[in-house]
Amino acid sequence: GVEQVKRVAVIREDECIGCTKCIQACPVDAILGAAKHMHTVIESECTGCDLCVDPCPVDCIDMVTVEPDIRTWTWTPPKSGLIATDRQGASA
């Protein structure tokens, strides 16, 4: 199967004015910050819903693709009932 591409919000913190509009828009509370201070996204909590991007008045939120790595890759176990065989086709 084809793996779904995970996208998360990333705030360019040096451009953030601390308006809290993204915090209010985030349905899963994945953004940390306080009024008039820079905000940041907790990557592991972000669902990639994109709801924080439009409210940002300074357009400092980007949606970026998270490349699968050892932390994000998941393995789908084989279906039960399969019979393992060796190279000659004999049951293991």
N, C-alpha and C. Protein backbone atom coordinates (compact mmCIF):
# COMPACT_ATOMS: atom_id res chain seq x y z
N GLY A 1 0.81 -1.18 0.00
CA GLY A 1 0.00 0.00 0.00
C GLY A 1 0.86 1.25 0.00
N VAL A 2 0.24 2.31 -0.37
CA VAL A 2 0.90 3.61 -0.39
C VAL A 2 0.70 4.30 0.95
N GLU A 3 1.80 4.80 1.51
CA GLU A 3 1.71 5.49 2.79
C GLU A 3 1.13 6.88 2.60
N GLN A 4 0.29 7.30 3.55
CA GLN A 4 -0.25 8.65 3.53
C GLN A 4 0.85 9.63 3.90
N VAL A 5 0.90 10.75 3.22
CA VAL A 5 1.88 11.78 3.53
C VAL A 5 1.37 12.58 4.71
N LYS A 6 2.19 12.69 5.75
CA LYS A 6 1.79 13.47 6.92
C LYS A 6 2.30 14.89 6.76
N ARG A 7 1.40 15.83 7.00
CA ARG A 7 1.76 17.24 6.95
C ARG A 7 1.49 17.86 8.31
N VAL A 8 2.36 18.75 8.72
CA VAL A 8 2.18 19.45 9.99
C VAL A 8 2.43 20.94 9.79
N ALA A 9 1.87 21.72 10.70
CA ALA A 9 2.08 23.16 10.67
C ALA A 9 3.43 23.49 11.30
N VAL A 10 4.11 24.46 10.71
CA VAL A 10 5.36 24.96 11.26
C VAL A 10 5.26 26.48 11.29
N ILE A 11 5.50 27.07 12.45
CA ILE A 11 5.44 28.52 12.59
C ILE A 11 6.85 29.09 12.44
N ARG A 12 6.98 30.06 11.54
CA ARG A 12 8.26 30.78 11.43
C ARG A 12 8.30 31.74 12.62
N GLU A 13 8.94 31.27 13.68
CA GLU A 13 8.86 31.94 14.98
C GLU A 13 9.41 33.36 14.96
N ASP A 14 10.39 33.63 14.12
CA ASP A 14 10.94 34.98 14.06
C ASP A 14 9.97 35.99 13.46
N GLU A 15 8.92 35.50 12.78
CA GLU A 15 7.92 36.38 12.18
C GLU A 15 6.63 36.43 12.99
N CYS A 16 6.48 35.54 13.97
CA CYS A 16 5.25 35.45 14.77
C CYS A 16 5.11 36.68 15.65
N ILE A 17 3.90 37.28 15.67
CA ILE A 17 3.65 38.46 16.50
C ILE A 17 2.90 38.11 17.79
N GLY A 18 2.59 36.84 17.99
CA GLY A 18 1.95 36.41 19.23
C GLY A 18 0.49 36.81 19.35
N CYS A 19 -0.24 36.78 18.25
CA CYS A 19 -1.65 37.23 18.28
C CYS A 19 -2.59 36.19 18.88
N THR A 20 -2.19 34.95 18.98
CA THR A 20 -2.95 33.79 19.50
C THR A 20 -4.08 33.31 18.59
N LYS A 21 -4.23 33.86 17.39
CA LYS A 21 -5.32 33.42 16.51
C LYS A 21 -5.15 31.96 16.08
N CYS A 22 -3.91 31.53 15.88
CA CYS A 22 -3.67 30.13 15.51
C CYS A 22 -4.00 29.20 16.67
N ILE A 23 -3.68 29.63 17.87
CA ILE A 23 -3.97 28.82 19.06
C ILE A 23 -5.48 28.61 19.19
N GLN A 24 -6.23 29.67 18.96
CA GLN A 24 -7.69 29.58 19.05
C GLN A 24 -8.27 28.69 17.96
N ALA A 25 -7.63 28.66 16.79
CA ALA A 25 -8.14 27.88 15.67
C ALA A 25 -7.79 26.40 15.76
N CYS A 26 -6.76 26.05 16.50
CA CYS A 26 -6.29 24.66 16.55
C CYS A 26 -7.25 23.78 17.35
N PRO A 27 -7.85 22.77 16.70
CA PRO A 27 -8.83 21.92 17.39
C PRO A 27 -8.21 20.90 18.34
N VAL A 28 -6.90 20.70 18.27
CA VAL A 28 -6.25 19.69 19.12
C VAL A 28 -5.23 20.28 20.08
N ASP A 29 -5.21 21.60 20.22
CA ASP A 29 -4.29 22.29 21.14
C ASP A 29 -2.83 21.91 20.89
N ALA A 30 -2.44 21.89 19.63
CA ALA A 30 -1.07 21.52 19.28
C ALA A 30 -0.14 22.73 19.19
N ILE A 31 -0.66 23.93 19.50
CA ILE A 31 0.16 25.14 19.40
C ILE A 31 0.35 25.73 20.79
N LEU A 32 1.60 26.01 21.12
CA LEU A 32 1.93 26.62 22.41
C LEU A 32 2.35 28.07 22.20
N GLY A 33 2.00 28.91 23.15
CA GLY A 33 2.42 30.30 23.08
C GLY A 33 1.54 31.16 23.96
N ALA A 34 1.93 32.39 24.12
CA ALA A 34 1.18 33.35 24.92
C ALA A 34 1.03 34.63 24.12
N ALA A 35 0.07 35.45 24.50
CA ALA A 35 -0.17 36.71 23.81
C ALA A 35 1.12 37.53 23.78
N LYS A 36 1.41 38.07 22.61
CA LYS A 36 2.58 38.92 22.36
C LYS A 36 3.92 38.19 22.49
N HIS A 37 3.89 36.87 22.49
CA HIS A 37 5.10 36.06 22.48
C HIS A 37 5.00 35.06 21.33
N MET A 38 6.14 34.62 20.83
CA MET A 38 6.10 33.69 19.70
C MET A 38 5.42 32.38 20.09
N HIS A 39 4.86 31.75 19.09
CA HIS A 39 4.17 30.47 19.27
C HIS A 39 4.98 29.38 18.58
N THR A 40 4.70 28.14 18.95
CA THR A 40 5.34 27.00 18.30
C THR A 40 4.36 25.84 18.24
N VAL A 41 4.56 24.95 17.29
CA VAL A 41 3.68 23.80 17.09
C VAL A 41 4.34 22.56 17.67
N ILE A 42 3.56 21.77 18.40
CA ILE A 42 4.02 20.47 18.89
C ILE A 42 3.75 19.48 17.76
N GLU A 43 4.81 19.11 17.05
CA GLU A 43 4.67 18.29 15.84
C GLU A 43 3.91 17.00 16.08
N SER A 44 4.17 16.34 17.20
CA SER A 44 3.52 15.05 17.46
C SER A 44 2.03 15.18 17.71
N GLU A 45 1.57 16.37 18.05
CA GLU A 45 0.14 16.59 18.32
C GLU A 45 -0.60 17.14 17.10
N CYS A 46 0.12 17.73 16.17
CA CYS A 46 -0.50 18.37 15.01
C CYS A 46 -1.10 17.32 14.08
N THR A 47 -2.36 17.52 13.69
CA THR A 47 -3.03 16.59 12.79
C THR A 47 -2.93 17.00 11.32
N GLY A 48 -2.37 18.18 11.07
CA GLY A 48 -2.24 18.65 9.69
C GLY A 48 -3.54 19.17 9.11
N CYS A 49 -4.46 19.60 9.96
CA CYS A 49 -5.79 20.02 9.48
C CYS A 49 -5.77 21.34 8.73
N ASP A 50 -4.72 22.16 8.91
CA ASP A 50 -4.57 23.41 8.15
C ASP A 50 -5.45 24.55 8.68
N LEU A 51 -6.17 24.35 9.77
CA LEU A 51 -7.09 25.38 10.27
C LEU A 51 -6.38 26.58 10.89
N CYS A 52 -5.12 26.45 11.22
CA CYS A 52 -4.37 27.54 11.84
C CYS A 52 -3.78 28.50 10.81
N VAL A 53 -3.69 28.10 9.57
CA VAL A 53 -2.98 28.88 8.56
C VAL A 53 -3.73 30.17 8.20
N ASP A 54 -4.99 30.08 7.84
CA ASP A 54 -5.74 31.26 7.39
C ASP A 54 -5.90 32.35 8.44
N PRO A 55 -6.13 32.03 9.72
CA PRO A 55 -6.30 33.11 10.71
C PRO A 55 -5.03 33.93 10.97
N CYS A 56 -3.87 33.45 10.59
CA CYS A 56 -2.61 34.13 10.89
C CYS A 56 -2.51 35.44 10.10
N PRO A 57 -2.46 36.59 10.79
CA PRO A 57 -2.44 37.87 10.08
C PRO A 57 -1.10 38.19 9.41
N VAL A 58 -0.03 37.52 9.81
CA VAL A 58 1.28 37.79 9.21
C VAL A 58 1.77 36.64 8.33
N ASP A 59 0.91 35.66 8.11
CA ASP A 59 1.20 34.54 7.20
C ASP A 59 2.54 33.87 7.52
N CYS A 60 2.73 33.52 8.80
CA CYS A 60 4.01 32.91 9.20
C CYS A 60 3.87 31.42 9.51
N ILE A 61 2.77 30.79 9.04
CA ILE A 61 2.57 29.36 9.28
C ILE A 61 2.62 28.63 7.95
N ASP A 62 3.47 27.63 7.88
CA ASP A 62 3.60 26.80 6.69
C ASP A 62 3.18 25.38 7.02
N MET A 63 2.61 24.70 6.04
CA MET A 63 2.31 23.28 6.17
C MET A 63 3.45 22.54 5.47
N VAL A 64 4.16 21.70 6.22
CA VAL A 64 5.30 20.99 5.66
C VAL A 64 5.07 19.48 5.74
N THR A 65 5.65 18.77 4.81
CA THR A 65 5.56 17.32 4.77
C THR A 65 6.57 16.73 5.73
N VAL A 66 6.12 15.78 6.53
CA VAL A 66 7.01 15.08 7.46
C VAL A 66 7.45 13.79 6.77
N GLU A 67 8.74 13.69 6.53
CA GLU A 67 9.27 12.48 5.90
C GLU A 67 9.25 11.34 6.92
N PRO A 68 8.80 10.15 6.51
CA PRO A 68 8.79 9.03 7.44
C PRO A 68 10.20 8.70 7.92
N ASP A 69 10.34 8.48 9.20
CA ASP A 69 11.61 8.03 9.77
C ASP A 69 11.29 7.02 10.87
N ILE A 70 12.25 6.67 11.64
CA ILE A 70 12.07 5.64 12.66
C ILE A 70 10.98 6.02 13.67
N ARG A 71 10.76 7.33 13.88
CA ARG A 71 9.74 7.78 14.84
C ARG A 71 8.34 7.76 14.26
N THR A 72 8.22 7.95 12.94
CA THR A 72 6.89 8.11 12.35
C THR A 72 6.43 6.92 11.51
N TRP A 73 7.35 6.04 11.12
CA TRP A 73 6.99 4.92 10.27
C TRP A 73 6.21 3.89 11.06
N THR A 74 5.14 3.37 10.46
CA THR A 74 4.38 2.31 11.11
C THR A 74 4.35 1.08 10.20
N TRP A 75 4.38 -0.07 10.82
CA TRP A 75 4.40 -1.33 10.10
C TRP A 75 3.03 -1.96 10.18
N THR A 76 2.51 -2.43 9.06
CA THR A 76 1.24 -3.13 9.03
C THR A 76 1.52 -4.62 9.12
N PRO A 77 1.08 -5.25 10.21
CA PRO A 77 1.34 -6.69 10.35
C PRO A 77 0.61 -7.49 9.27
N PRO A 78 1.14 -8.65 8.91
CA PRO A 78 0.48 -9.49 7.91
C PRO A 78 -0.85 -10.02 8.43
N LYS A 79 -1.71 -10.36 7.50
CA LYS A 79 -3.02 -10.91 7.87
C LYS A 79 -2.82 -12.27 8.54
N SER A 80 -3.66 -12.54 9.52
CA SER A 80 -3.56 -13.84 10.19
C SER A 80 -4.04 -14.94 9.24
N GLY A 81 -3.56 -16.12 9.48
CA GLY A 81 -3.97 -17.25 8.65
C GLY A 81 -3.04 -17.51 7.47
N LEU A 82 -2.04 -16.66 7.28
CA LEU A 82 -1.09 -16.90 6.20
C LEU A 82 -0.16 -18.04 6.59
N ILE A 83 0.24 -18.82 5.62
CA ILE A 83 1.13 -19.94 5.88
C ILE A 83 2.52 -19.58 5.35
N ALA A 84 3.50 -19.61 6.24
CA ALA A 84 4.88 -19.30 5.84
C ALA A 84 5.49 -20.50 5.14
N THR A 85 6.20 -20.23 4.05
CA THR A 85 6.89 -21.30 3.34
C THR A 85 8.34 -20.88 3.09
N ASP A 86 9.18 -21.88 2.87
CA ASP A 86 10.57 -21.58 2.53
C ASP A 86 10.68 -21.41 1.02
N ARG A 87 11.90 -21.28 0.51
CA ARG A 87 12.11 -21.02 -0.92
C ARG A 87 11.61 -22.14 -1.81
N GLN A 88 11.59 -23.36 -1.28
CA GLN A 88 11.13 -24.49 -2.07
C GLN A 88 9.62 -24.69 -1.96
N GLY A 89 8.95 -23.86 -1.17
CA GLY A 89 7.50 -23.97 -1.03
C GLY A 89 7.05 -24.86 0.10
N ALA A 90 7.99 -25.39 0.88
CA ALA A 90 7.62 -26.25 2.01
C ALA A 90 7.17 -25.38 3.18
N SER A 91 6.15 -25.85 3.87
CA SER A 91 5.65 -25.12 5.04
C SER A 91 6.71 -25.06 6.12
N ALA A 92 6.77 -23.91 6.76
CA ALA A 92 7.78 -23.73 7.81
C ALA A 92 7.30 -24.30 9.13
